[in-house]
Amino acid sequence: MSLFEQFGMMVLRSFDPEKSHKLSIAALRAGLAPLPGPVTSARLKTTFAGMELPNPVGLAAGYDKNAEAIPQLSRAGFGFLELGAATPRPQPGNPKPRLFRLTEDQAVINRFGFNNDGMEVIANRLARCRHSNRKVEIPVGLNLGANKDSEDRAADFAKVLAHCGNFIDFATVNVSSPNTEKLRDLQGPEALEALLAGVLDARKGLKQAVPVLLKIAPDLDTTELSEIAEVARKSGIDGVIATNTTLSRDGLKSAEKSEAGGLSGRPLFEKSTRVLAILSRELGEDVPLIGVGGIASPLDAYTKIRAGASLVQLYSAMVYQGLSLAPRIARGLDDLLAKDGFETVSEAVGTLRGDWL
């Protein structure tokens, strides 16, 4: 991390977490953050669900909720971006405070509740970016959500895809956020099968068939994971993201550990990686996986890949290590792959899955 970035992080940490989040987006848009451009190599280049990526390190949903800084983030060293979550109608989310730094644990708790500007505003921003002179050369996806007061939450996901799908490269069905009451109930096999059928039906009306991914919770037992794997295989979706935030508070030290919401960051690493490995065993090569949860170093990313992930995503660790973490992880991952004799990322996927089972 450069001295300039260290100073910027110090300034941001002087504000409350949500204000700091907003200021970081504003700083990006203002051009105050140094951006390295694409980070890639022959070893890092990979393909996922038909998308070509310069490297397998992506930005997880939740940072750029409203698609405000796409050109800047596309030059920050990531291999792909996931924006959102977006809901059909704008909503303010849960009451503040709703974001907490757990510094001792290198973790974050949030209970935002899908606060966003709504699909119409977000679609307009996506469209402007896609048609601007500043070409975005990495895949950009959107996390699909449901309004808290919706009469048919399952239909909301299809509605957002229908409205925004022509301006994105992939879409993620997010039924695993713990911050919208009863949303996780949609992970049950019957409800999930119907929901995904609706989303895939909405995809038929788009100009091109964008890949549809499913993001699941880490707080699922082996039977529930097997059921989700079966639905994923039967439905024809293009990938699974493992995992979202957890409700567990095991082993935390920080004073804020009892705050309600989803926990992300370092404490999630082992739980999310174990879920990833179980799904990798269940799905084999039928449905590829994206590993997310607690990634804070090149070795963490490499561990996820060898446990079964074709791609990885990060977010919470940037609260403590800055935006330059993404290119540092990509370059470090390249070195680790080379050290072990892998010529491509795909060669390493799942090679140590058994260590987590």
Protein backbone atom coordinates (compact mmCIF):
# COMPACT_ATOMS: atom_id res chain seq x y z
CA MET A 1 0.00 0.00 0.00
CA SER A 2 1.43 3.40 -1.01
CA LEU A 3 1.86 6.29 1.43
CA PHE A 4 -0.87 8.14 -0.45
CA GLU A 5 -3.29 5.25 0.04
CA GLN A 6 -2.28 4.89 3.70
CA PHE A 7 -3.08 8.56 4.25
CA GLY A 8 -6.42 8.20 2.44
CA MET A 9 -7.31 5.17 4.54
CA MET A 10 -6.45 7.08 7.72
CA VAL A 11 -8.76 9.91 6.67
CA LEU A 12 -11.59 7.54 5.82
CA ARG A 13 -11.22 5.69 9.12
CA SER A 14 -11.83 8.98 10.96
CA PHE A 15 -15.47 8.90 9.80
CA ASP A 16 -18.20 6.47 10.76
CA PRO A 17 -18.21 3.37 8.51
CA GLU A 18 -21.15 4.26 6.27
CA LYS A 19 -19.93 7.84 5.74
CA SER A 20 -16.49 6.44 4.96
CA HIS A 21 -18.03 4.10 2.39
CA LYS A 22 -19.77 6.98 0.61
CA LEU A 23 -16.64 9.13 0.69
CA SER A 24 -14.58 6.35 -0.88
CA ILE A 25 -17.01 6.16 -3.81
CA ALA A 26 -16.87 9.94 -4.17
CA ALA A 27 -13.05 9.88 -4.11
CA LEU A 28 -13.02 7.25 -6.84
CA ARG A 29 -15.35 9.27 -9.03
CA ALA A 30 -13.23 12.38 -8.47
CA GLY A 31 -10.10 10.58 -9.66
CA LEU A 32 -8.35 10.73 -6.28
CA ALA A 33 -7.44 7.04 -6.20
CA PRO A 34 -4.48 5.75 -8.26
CA LEU A 35 -5.72 3.01 -10.58
CA PRO A 36 -3.26 0.49 -12.09
CA GLY A 37 -5.45 -0.60 -14.98
CA PRO A 38 -5.99 -4.25 -15.93
CA VAL A 39 -3.87 -6.82 -14.11
CA THR A 40 -3.39 -9.89 -16.24
CA SER A 41 -1.05 -12.57 -17.55
CA ALA A 42 -1.35 -15.72 -19.62
CA ARG A 43 -1.66 -17.63 -16.35
CA LEU A 44 -4.33 -15.37 -14.84
CA LYS A 45 -6.60 -15.13 -17.88
CA THR A 46 -9.63 -17.33 -17.50
CA THR A 47 -13.13 -18.00 -18.77
CA PHE A 48 -16.27 -18.34 -16.66
CA ALA A 49 -19.77 -18.96 -18.01
CA GLY A 50 -18.62 -17.82 -21.43
CA MET A 51 -17.10 -14.57 -20.11
CA GLU A 52 -13.43 -13.85 -20.70
CA LEU A 53 -11.67 -12.32 -17.71
CA PRO A 54 -8.15 -10.85 -17.41
CA ASN A 55 -7.82 -12.34 -13.93
CA PRO A 56 -10.08 -14.29 -11.52
CA VAL A 57 -10.24 -11.66 -8.74
CA GLY A 58 -13.58 -9.83 -8.62
CA LEU A 59 -15.28 -7.14 -6.57
CA ALA A 60 -18.16 -8.55 -4.54
CA ALA A 61 -21.58 -6.91 -4.47
CA GLY A 62 -22.25 -4.33 -1.79
CA TYR A 63 -19.50 -1.81 -2.45
CA ASP A 64 -20.83 0.02 -5.52
CA LYS A 65 -24.51 -0.58 -4.77
CA ASN A 66 -25.81 2.01 -7.22
CA ALA A 67 -23.43 1.65 -10.19
CA GLU A 68 -21.80 5.02 -9.55
CA ALA A 69 -18.11 4.26 -10.15
CA ILE A 70 -17.97 1.58 -12.86
CA PRO A 71 -15.26 3.13 -15.10
CA GLN A 72 -12.99 3.74 -12.13
CA LEU A 73 -13.47 0.32 -10.55
CA SER A 74 -12.89 -1.36 -13.90
CA ARG A 75 -9.36 0.10 -13.84
CA ALA A 76 -8.64 -0.85 -10.22
CA GLY A 77 -7.09 -4.23 -11.03
CA PHE A 78 -10.16 -6.45 -10.72
CA GLY A 79 -10.97 -9.12 -13.29
CA PHE A 80 -14.72 -8.48 -12.99
CA LEU A 81 -17.20 -6.39 -10.99
CA GLU A 82 -20.48 -7.18 -9.29
CA LEU A 83 -22.68 -4.19 -8.49
CA GLY A 84 -25.86 -3.84 -6.43
CA ALA A 85 -27.98 -5.26 -5.01
CA ALA A 86 -30.73 -3.59 -7.03
CA THR A 87 -34.43 -3.85 -6.25
CA PRO A 88 -37.42 -2.92 -8.44
CA ARG A 89 -38.25 0.18 -6.38
CA PRO A 90 -35.82 2.43 -4.50
CA GLN A 91 -35.66 1.77 -0.79
CA PRO A 92 -33.79 3.38 2.09
CA GLY A 93 -32.86 0.15 3.84
CA ASN A 94 -32.74 -0.39 7.57
CA PRO A 95 -32.33 2.38 10.18
CA LYS A 96 -28.83 3.72 10.90
CA PRO A 97 -26.34 2.85 12.29
CA ARG A 98 -26.16 -0.29 10.16
CA LEU A 99 -22.47 -0.77 9.34
CA PHE A 100 -19.81 -1.66 11.91
CA ARG A 101 -16.05 -2.20 11.76
CA LEU A 102 -14.78 -5.08 13.88
CA THR A 103 -11.12 -4.10 13.74
CA GLU A 104 -9.82 -6.71 16.19
CA ASP A 105 -11.40 -9.41 14.05
CA GLN A 106 -10.66 -7.84 10.64
CA ALA A 107 -14.37 -8.13 9.99
CA VAL A 108 -17.48 -6.10 9.20
CA ILE A 109 -21.11 -6.40 10.27
CA ASN A 110 -23.80 -4.83 8.09
CA ARG A 111 -27.56 -4.72 8.22
CA PHE A 112 -28.17 -2.41 5.28
CA GLY A 113 -31.31 -4.15 4.06
CA PHE A 114 -30.88 -3.64 0.28
CA ASN A 115 -30.66 0.17 0.39
CA ASN A 116 -30.40 1.30 -3.23
CA ASP A 117 -31.65 3.78 -5.84
CA GLY A 118 -33.89 1.23 -7.57
CA MET A 119 -33.61 -0.55 -10.91
CA GLU A 120 -34.60 2.40 -13.12
CA VAL A 121 -31.85 4.70 -11.89
CA ILE A 122 -29.30 1.89 -11.81
CA ALA A 123 -30.25 0.72 -15.33
CA ASN A 124 -29.75 4.27 -16.64
CA ARG A 125 -26.27 4.42 -15.13
CA LEU A 126 -25.37 1.01 -16.53
CA ALA A 127 -26.62 2.03 -19.96
CA ARG A 128 -24.69 5.33 -19.94
CA CYS A 129 -21.52 3.52 -18.95
CA ARG A 130 -21.96 0.89 -21.65
CA HIS A 131 -22.45 3.54 -24.33
CA SER A 132 -19.81 6.02 -23.14
CA ASN A 133 -16.39 6.61 -24.67
CA ARG A 134 -14.72 5.19 -21.54
CA LYS A 135 -14.83 1.54 -22.49
CA VAL A 136 -15.12 -0.96 -19.67
CA GLU A 137 -13.06 -4.00 -20.64
CA ILE A 138 -14.00 -6.38 -17.81
CA PRO A 139 -17.34 -8.12 -17.17
CA VAL A 140 -19.81 -6.13 -15.07
CA GLY A 141 -22.62 -7.95 -13.28
CA LEU A 142 -25.58 -6.95 -11.13
CA ASN A 143 -26.80 -8.47 -7.90
CA LEU A 144 -30.59 -8.83 -8.04
CA GLY A 145 -32.64 -8.17 -4.90
CA ALA A 146 -36.23 -7.92 -3.71
CA ASN A 147 -38.07 -5.06 -2.06
CA LYS A 148 -38.69 -5.50 1.65
CA ASP A 149 -42.42 -4.75 1.31
CA SER A 150 -42.94 -6.64 -1.96
CA GLU A 151 -46.05 -8.79 -2.29
CA ASP A 152 -44.08 -11.22 -4.48
CA ARG A 153 -40.38 -11.20 -3.70
CA ALA A 154 -39.64 -14.05 -6.08
CA ALA A 155 -41.02 -12.01 -8.97
CA ASP A 156 -38.84 -9.02 -8.03
CA PHE A 157 -35.66 -10.80 -9.12
CA ALA A 158 -37.05 -11.45 -12.59
CA LYS A 159 -38.33 -7.88 -12.77
CA VAL A 160 -34.87 -6.40 -12.11
CA LEU A 161 -33.22 -8.70 -14.64
CA ALA A 162 -35.78 -7.80 -17.31
CA HIS A 163 -35.14 -4.09 -16.74
CA CYS A 164 -31.34 -4.12 -16.39
CA GLY A 165 -30.27 -7.27 -18.21
CA ASN A 166 -29.36 -5.66 -21.53
CA PHE A 167 -26.68 -3.54 -19.84
CA ILE A 168 -24.83 -6.18 -17.83
CA ASP A 169 -22.62 -9.21 -18.45
CA PHE A 170 -24.04 -11.44 -15.70
CA ALA A 171 -26.69 -11.39 -12.99
CA THR A 172 -26.71 -12.81 -9.46
CA VAL A 173 -29.85 -13.97 -7.68
CA ASN A 174 -29.36 -12.94 -4.06
CA VAL A 175 -31.64 -14.98 -1.78
CA SER A 176 -29.04 -15.19 0.96
CA SER A 177 -28.87 -11.73 2.52
CA PRO A 178 -29.74 -12.02 6.24
CA ASN A 179 -30.94 -8.41 6.41
CA THR A 180 -34.33 -8.75 4.70
CA GLU A 181 -36.77 -10.69 6.83
CA LYS A 182 -37.58 -14.18 5.52
CA LEU A 183 -35.55 -13.67 2.33
CA ARG A 184 -33.44 -16.74 3.11
CA ASP A 185 -36.64 -18.82 3.10
CA LEU A 186 -36.35 -18.63 -0.70
CA GLN A 187 -33.32 -20.95 -0.50
CA GLY A 188 -35.66 -23.92 0.13
CA PRO A 189 -35.65 -26.27 -2.87
CA GLU A 190 -39.25 -25.74 -4.06
CA ALA A 191 -39.22 -21.96 -3.61
CA LEU A 192 -35.75 -21.68 -5.16
CA GLU A 193 -36.66 -23.79 -8.18
CA ALA A 194 -39.69 -21.62 -8.91
CA LEU A 195 -37.76 -18.39 -8.38
CA LEU A 196 -34.93 -19.42 -10.72
CA ALA A 197 -37.43 -20.55 -13.34
CA GLY A 198 -38.94 -17.07 -13.30
CA VAL A 199 -35.54 -15.39 -13.62
CA LEU A 200 -34.45 -17.65 -16.47
CA ASP A 201 -37.76 -17.01 -18.21
CA ALA A 202 -37.15 -13.25 -17.93
CA ARG A 203 -33.72 -13.79 -19.46
CA LYS A 204 -35.36 -15.03 -22.66
CA GLY A 205 -36.60 -11.51 -23.35
CA LEU A 206 -33.11 -9.97 -23.32
CA LYS A 207 -31.01 -9.18 -26.38
CA GLN A 208 -28.53 -11.82 -25.26
CA ALA A 209 -28.64 -14.58 -22.65
CA VAL A 210 -26.58 -13.21 -19.77
CA PRO A 211 -25.22 -15.81 -17.32
CA VAL A 212 -27.36 -16.17 -14.17
CA LEU A 213 -25.64 -17.00 -10.89
CA LEU A 214 -27.02 -17.91 -7.46
CA LYS A 215 -25.54 -16.53 -4.22
CA ILE A 216 -26.06 -18.72 -1.18
CA ALA A 217 -25.64 -18.38 2.59
CA PRO A 218 -22.84 -20.02 4.59
CA ASP A 219 -25.26 -21.04 7.35
CA LEU A 220 -26.54 -24.16 5.57
CA ASP A 221 -26.04 -27.77 6.58
CA THR A 222 -24.87 -30.56 4.29
CA THR A 223 -28.41 -31.68 3.43
CA GLU A 224 -29.45 -28.15 2.50
CA LEU A 225 -26.35 -27.72 0.36
CA SER A 226 -27.11 -30.97 -1.47
CA GLU A 227 -30.64 -29.75 -2.17
CA ILE A 228 -29.36 -26.43 -3.50
CA ALA A 229 -26.81 -28.22 -5.67
CA GLU A 230 -29.56 -30.35 -7.16
CA VAL A 231 -31.70 -27.30 -7.91
CA ALA A 232 -28.72 -25.50 -9.42
CA ARG A 233 -27.98 -28.44 -11.69
CA LYS A 234 -31.59 -28.98 -12.78
CA SER A 235 -32.41 -25.31 -13.29
CA GLY A 236 -29.65 -24.65 -15.79
CA ILE A 237 -28.11 -21.65 -14.01
CA ASP A 238 -24.55 -20.75 -14.92
CA GLY A 239 -22.81 -20.64 -11.55
CA VAL A 240 -23.04 -20.43 -7.77
CA ILE A 241 -21.43 -17.85 -5.48
CA ALA A 242 -20.40 -19.27 -2.11
CA THR A 243 -21.01 -17.44 0.15
CA ASN A 244 -22.87 -14.43 1.48
CA THR A 245 -22.43 -13.10 5.03
CA THR A 246 -23.03 -15.23 8.13
CA LEU A 247 -25.20 -14.87 11.22
CA SER A 248 -22.62 -16.72 13.31
CA ARG A 249 -20.57 -14.82 15.90
CA ASP A 250 -18.22 -17.62 16.95
CA GLY A 251 -14.83 -16.52 18.25
CA LEU A 252 -15.24 -12.76 17.82
CA LYS A 253 -13.38 -10.32 20.08
CA SER A 254 -14.53 -6.84 18.99
CA ALA A 255 -16.92 -4.79 21.12
CA GLU A 256 -19.38 -4.61 18.20
CA LYS A 257 -19.64 -8.40 17.87
CA SER A 258 -23.24 -8.50 19.14
CA GLU A 259 -24.61 -6.10 16.53
CA ALA A 260 -27.36 -7.61 14.38
CA GLY A 261 -26.67 -8.24 10.70
CA GLY A 262 -24.42 -10.23 8.42
CA LEU A 263 -20.80 -10.81 9.38
CA SER A 264 -18.14 -10.70 6.67
CA GLY A 265 -14.37 -10.60 6.64
CA ARG A 266 -11.69 -12.82 8.14
CA PRO A 267 -13.90 -14.87 10.52
CA LEU A 268 -15.96 -16.07 7.54
CA PHE A 269 -13.04 -17.62 5.66
CA GLU A 270 -13.09 -21.17 6.99
CA LYS A 271 -16.88 -21.57 7.04
CA SER A 272 -17.34 -20.20 3.53
CA THR A 273 -14.46 -22.26 2.14
CA ARG A 274 -15.90 -25.45 3.61
CA VAL A 275 -19.29 -24.69 2.01
CA LEU A 276 -17.48 -24.01 -1.26
CA ALA A 277 -15.69 -27.36 -1.13
CA ILE A 278 -18.89 -29.26 -0.37
CA LEU A 279 -20.65 -27.62 -3.31
CA SER A 280 -17.65 -28.32 -5.53
CA ARG A 281 -17.91 -32.00 -4.64
CA GLU A 282 -21.68 -31.99 -5.25
CA LEU A 283 -21.60 -30.10 -8.55
CA GLY A 284 -18.35 -31.32 -10.07
CA GLU A 285 -17.84 -29.67 -13.44
CA ASP A 286 -21.57 -29.16 -14.06
CA VAL A 287 -21.86 -25.74 -12.40
CA PRO A 288 -18.77 -23.56 -11.74
CA LEU A 289 -18.29 -21.73 -8.45
CA ILE A 290 -17.16 -18.31 -7.25
CA GLY A 291 -15.54 -18.27 -3.81
CA VAL A 292 -16.10 -15.30 -1.52
CA GLY A 293 -15.75 -14.78 2.22
CA GLY A 294 -12.73 -13.64 4.18
CA ILE A 295 -10.24 -13.26 1.32
CA ALA A 296 -7.48 -10.87 2.43
CA SER A 297 -4.33 -12.16 0.71
CA PRO A 298 -3.08 -13.97 -2.40
CA LEU A 299 -2.87 -17.19 -0.36
CA ASP A 300 -6.52 -16.84 0.66
CA ALA A 301 -7.56 -16.50 -2.97
CA TYR A 302 -5.37 -19.45 -3.96
CA THR A 303 -6.87 -21.56 -1.16
CA LYS A 304 -10.40 -20.82 -2.40
CA ILE A 305 -9.43 -21.80 -5.93
CA ARG A 306 -7.84 -25.06 -4.85
CA ALA A 307 -10.95 -25.78 -2.74
CA GLY A 308 -13.12 -25.54 -5.87
CA ALA A 309 -13.59 -21.91 -6.93
CA SER A 310 -13.05 -20.89 -10.54
CA LEU A 311 -13.17 -17.21 -9.53
CA VAL A 312 -12.99 -15.31 -6.24
CA GLN A 313 -14.46 -12.06 -4.92
CA LEU A 314 -13.49 -9.70 -2.12
CA TYR A 315 -14.83 -6.62 -0.39
CA SER A 316 -14.53 -6.46 3.43
CA ALA A 317 -10.74 -6.78 3.50
CA MET A 318 -10.51 -3.55 1.49
CA VAL A 319 -11.86 -1.74 4.57
CA TYR A 320 -8.53 -2.54 6.23
CA GLN A 321 -6.12 -2.88 3.29
CA GLY A 322 -7.45 -0.45 0.70
CA LEU A 323 -8.43 -0.71 -2.95
CA SER A 324 -4.90 -1.72 -3.96
CA LEU A 325 -5.59 -5.11 -2.38
CA ALA A 326 -7.19 -6.35 -5.63
CA PRO A 327 -4.09 -6.00 -7.86
CA ARG A 328 -1.86 -7.23 -5.01
CA ILE A 329 -3.93 -10.40 -4.75
CA ALA A 330 -3.99 -10.90 -8.54
CA ARG A 331 -0.22 -10.56 -8.86
CA GLY A 332 0.42 -12.71 -5.80
CA LEU A 333 -1.92 -15.37 -7.12
CA ASP A 334 0.03 -15.44 -10.37
CA ASP A 335 3.22 -16.11 -8.39
CA LEU A 336 1.60 -18.90 -6.33
CA LEU A 337 0.24 -20.63 -9.43
CA ALA A 338 3.64 -20.45 -11.09
CA LYS A 339 5.41 -21.77 -7.99
CA ASP A 340 3.22 -24.89 -8.01
CA GLY A 341 3.58 -25.45 -11.74
CA PHE A 342 0.09 -24.44 -12.87
CA GLU A 343 0.01 -22.84 -16.30
CA THR A 344 -3.57 -21.57 -15.90
CA VAL A 345 -5.98 -20.78 -13.08
CA SER A 346 -8.37 -23.48 -14.27
CA GLU A 347 -5.71 -26.18 -13.76
CA ALA A 348 -5.67 -25.41 -10.02
CA VAL A 349 -9.43 -25.43 -9.42
CA GLY A 350 -10.44 -28.05 -6.85
CA THR A 351 -7.00 -29.66 -6.56
CA LEU A 352 -7.09 -29.51 -2.73
CA ARG A 353 -10.86 -29.81 -2.25
CA GLY A 354 -10.40 -32.86 -0.06
CA ASP A 355 -8.59 -30.84 2.58
CA TRP A 356 -11.90 -29.11 3.39
CA LEU A 357 -14.22 -32.12 3.40
